[in-house]
Amino acid sequence: AALFGGHDQVVQMLLAKGADVNTPGGYYGNVLQTALFGGYDQVAQMLLAKGADVNAQGGYYGNALYPASYRDYNQVVQMLLAKGADVNAPGGKYVSSSGDVDH
């Protein structure tokens, strides 16, 4: 809920208390994918700083690179790549074979 509400301070508090940055989710994938899908690039950067798995698979987009690219978060995409994001990883249900996001 804090992710989708854009409550950066609540997310910071949860992270300070040891919240798992790699918690799997449902529709949107893990917490990193959810933050990116929701348009919260600052939260995504906090999660990356705490060690979020950049290659975790799940949700309708497959991995974090797809929602970050779709939203044109170039700085976040660069961070994902610097942390080892796999550009050849398969996408999810909403990613076509050409890599385009369809939703």
C-alpha atoms as a PDB file:
ATOM      1  CA  ALA A   1       0.000   0.000   0.000  1.00  0.00           C
ATOM      2  CA  ALA A   2       2.843   2.389   0.792  1.00  0.00           C
ATOM      3  CA  LEU A   3       4.314   1.728  -2.649  1.00  0.00           C
ATOM      4  CA  PHE A   4       1.167   2.537  -4.560  1.00  0.00           C
ATOM      5  CA  GLY A   5       0.350   5.507  -2.375  1.00  0.00           C
ATOM      6  CA  GLY A   6       3.690   7.085  -3.153  1.00  0.00           C
ATOM      7  CA  HIS A   7       4.443   7.377   0.554  1.00  0.00           C
ATOM      8  CA  ASP A   8       8.224   7.672   0.348  1.00  0.00           C
ATOM      9  CA  GLN A   9       8.640   8.284   4.083  1.00  0.00           C
ATOM     10  CA  VAL A  10       6.627   5.178   4.965  1.00  0.00           C
ATOM     11  CA  VAL A  11       8.711   3.125   2.536  1.00  0.00           C
ATOM     12  CA  GLN A  12      11.903   4.538   4.095  1.00  0.00           C
ATOM     13  CA  MET A  13      10.655   3.579   7.565  1.00  0.00           C
ATOM     14  CA  LEU A  14       9.768   0.048   6.442  1.00  0.00           C
ATOM     15  CA  LEU A  15      13.180  -0.375   4.843  1.00  0.00           C
ATOM     16  CA  ALA A  16      14.889   0.926   7.986  1.00  0.00           C
ATOM     17  CA  LYS A  17      12.954  -1.688   9.988  1.00  0.00           C
ATOM     18  CA  GLY A  18      14.230  -4.444   7.705  1.00  0.00           C
ATOM     19  CA  ALA A  19      11.386  -4.949   5.233  1.00  0.00           C
ATOM     20  CA  ASP A  20      12.292  -7.537   2.578  1.00  0.00           C
ATOM     21  CA  VAL A  21      12.991  -5.676  -0.677  1.00  0.00           C
ATOM     22  CA  ASN A  22      12.571  -8.905  -2.638  1.00  0.00           C
ATOM     23  CA  THR A  23       9.110  -9.821  -1.426  1.00  0.00           C
ATOM     24  CA  PRO A  24       7.238 -11.437  -4.304  1.00  0.00           C
ATOM     25  CA  GLY A  25       3.909 -10.002  -5.268  1.00  0.00           C
ATOM     26  CA  GLY A  26       1.098 -10.893  -7.573  1.00  0.00           C
ATOM     27  CA  TYR A  27      -0.100  -8.936 -10.557  1.00  0.00           C
ATOM     28  CA  TYR A  28       2.740  -6.403 -10.592  1.00  0.00           C
ATOM     29  CA  GLY A  29       5.580  -8.702  -9.556  1.00  0.00           C
ATOM     30  CA  ASN A  30       7.939  -7.945  -6.676  1.00  0.00           C
ATOM     31  CA  VAL A  31       8.130  -4.645  -4.805  1.00  0.00           C
ATOM     32  CA  LEU A  32      10.660  -3.164  -7.249  1.00  0.00           C
ATOM     33  CA  GLN A  33       8.463  -3.989 -10.236  1.00  0.00           C
ATOM     34  CA  THR A  34       5.423  -2.620  -8.398  1.00  0.00           C
ATOM     35  CA  ALA A  35       7.164   0.679  -7.638  1.00  0.00           C
ATOM     36  CA  LEU A  36       8.219   1.071 -11.268  1.00  0.00           C
ATOM     37  CA  PHE A  37       4.816   0.121 -12.642  1.00  0.00           C
ATOM     38  CA  GLY A  38       3.191   2.616 -10.275  1.00  0.00           C
ATOM     39  CA  GLY A  39       5.469   5.419 -11.418  1.00  0.00           C
ATOM     40  CA  TYR A  40       7.489   5.734  -8.218  1.00  0.00           C
ATOM     41  CA  ASP A  41      11.038   5.937  -9.505  1.00  0.00           C
ATOM     42  CA  GLN A  42      12.330   7.461  -6.247  1.00  0.00           C
ATOM     43  CA  VAL A  43      10.979   4.473  -4.304  1.00  0.00           C
ATOM     44  CA  ALA A  44      12.555   2.166  -6.886  1.00  0.00           C
ATOM     45  CA  GLN A  45      15.905   3.848  -6.308  1.00  0.00           C
ATOM     46  CA  MET A  46      15.521   3.310  -2.540  1.00  0.00           C
ATOM     47  CA  LEU A  47      14.780  -0.375  -3.141  1.00  0.00           C
ATOM     48  CA  LEU A  48      17.796  -0.728  -5.426  1.00  0.00           C
ATOM     49  CA  ALA A  49      20.014   0.878  -2.798  1.00  0.00           C
ATOM     50  CA  LYS A  50      18.786  -1.753  -0.321  1.00  0.00           C
ATOM     51  CA  GLY A  51      19.638  -4.632  -2.664  1.00  0.00           C
ATOM     52  CA  ALA A  52      16.469  -5.350  -4.616  1.00  0.00           C
ATOM     53  CA  ASP A  53      16.970  -8.216  -7.088  1.00  0.00           C
ATOM     54  CA  VAL A  54      17.087  -6.587 -10.534  1.00  0.00           C
ATOM     55  CA  ASN A  55      16.516  -9.906 -12.312  1.00  0.00           C
ATOM     56  CA  ALA A  56      13.612 -11.243 -10.260  1.00  0.00           C
ATOM     57  CA  GLN A  57      10.891 -12.629 -12.506  1.00  0.00           C
ATOM     58  CA  GLY A  58       7.199 -12.234 -11.792  1.00  0.00           C
ATOM     59  CA  GLY A  59       4.047 -10.332 -12.459  1.00  0.00           C
ATOM     60  CA  TYR A  60       2.709  -9.305 -15.814  1.00  0.00           C
ATOM     61  CA  TYR A  61       5.891  -7.532 -16.944  1.00  0.00           C
ATOM     62  CA  GLY A  62       8.412 -10.252 -16.142  1.00  0.00           C
ATOM     63  CA  ASN A  63      11.176  -8.127 -14.626  1.00  0.00           C
ATOM     64  CA  ALA A  64      12.015  -4.578 -13.550  1.00  0.00           C
ATOM     65  CA  LEU A  65      13.539  -3.480 -16.865  1.00  0.00           C
ATOM     66  CA  TYR A  66      10.205  -3.554 -18.673  1.00  0.00           C
ATOM     67  CA  PRO A  67       8.191  -1.140 -16.488  1.00  0.00           C
ATOM     68  CA  ALA A  68      11.260   1.114 -16.078  1.00  0.00           C
ATOM     69  CA  SER A  69      11.718   1.269 -19.854  1.00  0.00           C
ATOM     70  CA  TYR A  70       8.006   1.700 -20.498  1.00  0.00           C
ATOM     71  CA  ARG A  71       7.914   4.735 -18.210  1.00  0.00           C
ATOM     72  CA  ASP A  72      11.105   6.188 -19.739  1.00  0.00           C
ATOM     73  CA  TYR A  73      12.969   6.133 -16.429  1.00  0.00           C
ATOM     74  CA  ASN A  74      16.355   6.304 -18.107  1.00  0.00           C
ATOM     75  CA  GLN A  75      18.230   6.902 -14.857  1.00  0.00           C
ATOM     76  CA  VAL A  76      16.573   3.864 -13.250  1.00  0.00           C
ATOM     77  CA  VAL A  77      17.228   1.749 -16.356  1.00  0.00           C
ATOM     78  CA  GLN A  78      20.903   2.714 -16.108  1.00  0.00           C
ATOM     79  CA  MET A  79      20.905   1.757 -12.415  1.00  0.00           C
ATOM     80  CA  LEU A  80      19.285  -1.593 -13.215  1.00  0.00           C
ATOM     81  CA  LEU A  81      21.875  -2.284 -15.904  1.00  0.00           C
ATOM     82  CA  ALA A  82      24.739  -1.236 -13.619  1.00  0.00           C
ATOM     83  CA  LYS A  83      23.432  -3.700 -11.024  1.00  0.00           C
ATOM     84  CA  GLY A  84      23.424  -6.517 -13.582  1.00  0.00           C
ATOM     85  CA  ALA A  85      19.914  -6.515 -15.029  1.00  0.00           C
ATOM     86  CA  ASP A  86      19.673  -9.067 -17.837  1.00  0.00           C
ATOM     87  CA  VAL A  87      18.576  -7.350 -21.057  1.00  0.00           C
ATOM     88  CA  ASN A  88      17.803 -10.761 -22.555  1.00  0.00           C
ATOM     89  CA  ALA A  89      15.530 -11.908 -19.734  1.00  0.00           C
ATOM     90  CA  PRO A  90      12.066 -12.943 -20.870  1.00  0.00           C
ATOM     91  CA  GLY A  91       9.214 -10.532 -20.388  1.00  0.00           C
ATOM     92  CA  GLY A  92       5.868 -11.321 -18.861  1.00  0.00           C
ATOM     93  CA  LYS A  93       2.324 -11.532 -20.164  1.00  0.00           C
ATOM     94  CA  TYR A  94       2.199  -7.863 -21.195  1.00  0.00           C
ATOM     95  CA  VAL A  95       5.501  -7.873 -23.073  1.00  0.00           C
ATOM     96  CA  SER A  96       5.474  -8.886 -26.724  1.00  0.00           C
ATOM     97  CA  SER A  97       8.191 -10.951 -28.352  1.00  0.00           C
ATOM     98  CA  SER A  98       9.692  -7.717 -29.708  1.00  0.00           C
ATOM     99  CA  GLY A  99       9.986  -6.315 -26.181  1.00  0.00           C
ATOM    100  CA  ASP A 100       7.124  -3.835 -26.499  1.00  0.00           C
ATOM    101  CA  VAL A 101       4.831  -3.410 -23.512  1.00  0.00           C
ATOM    102  CA  ASP A 102       1.207  -4.162 -24.378  1.00  0.00           C
ATOM    103  CA  HIS A 103      -1.344  -3.300 -21.729  1.00  0.00           C
END
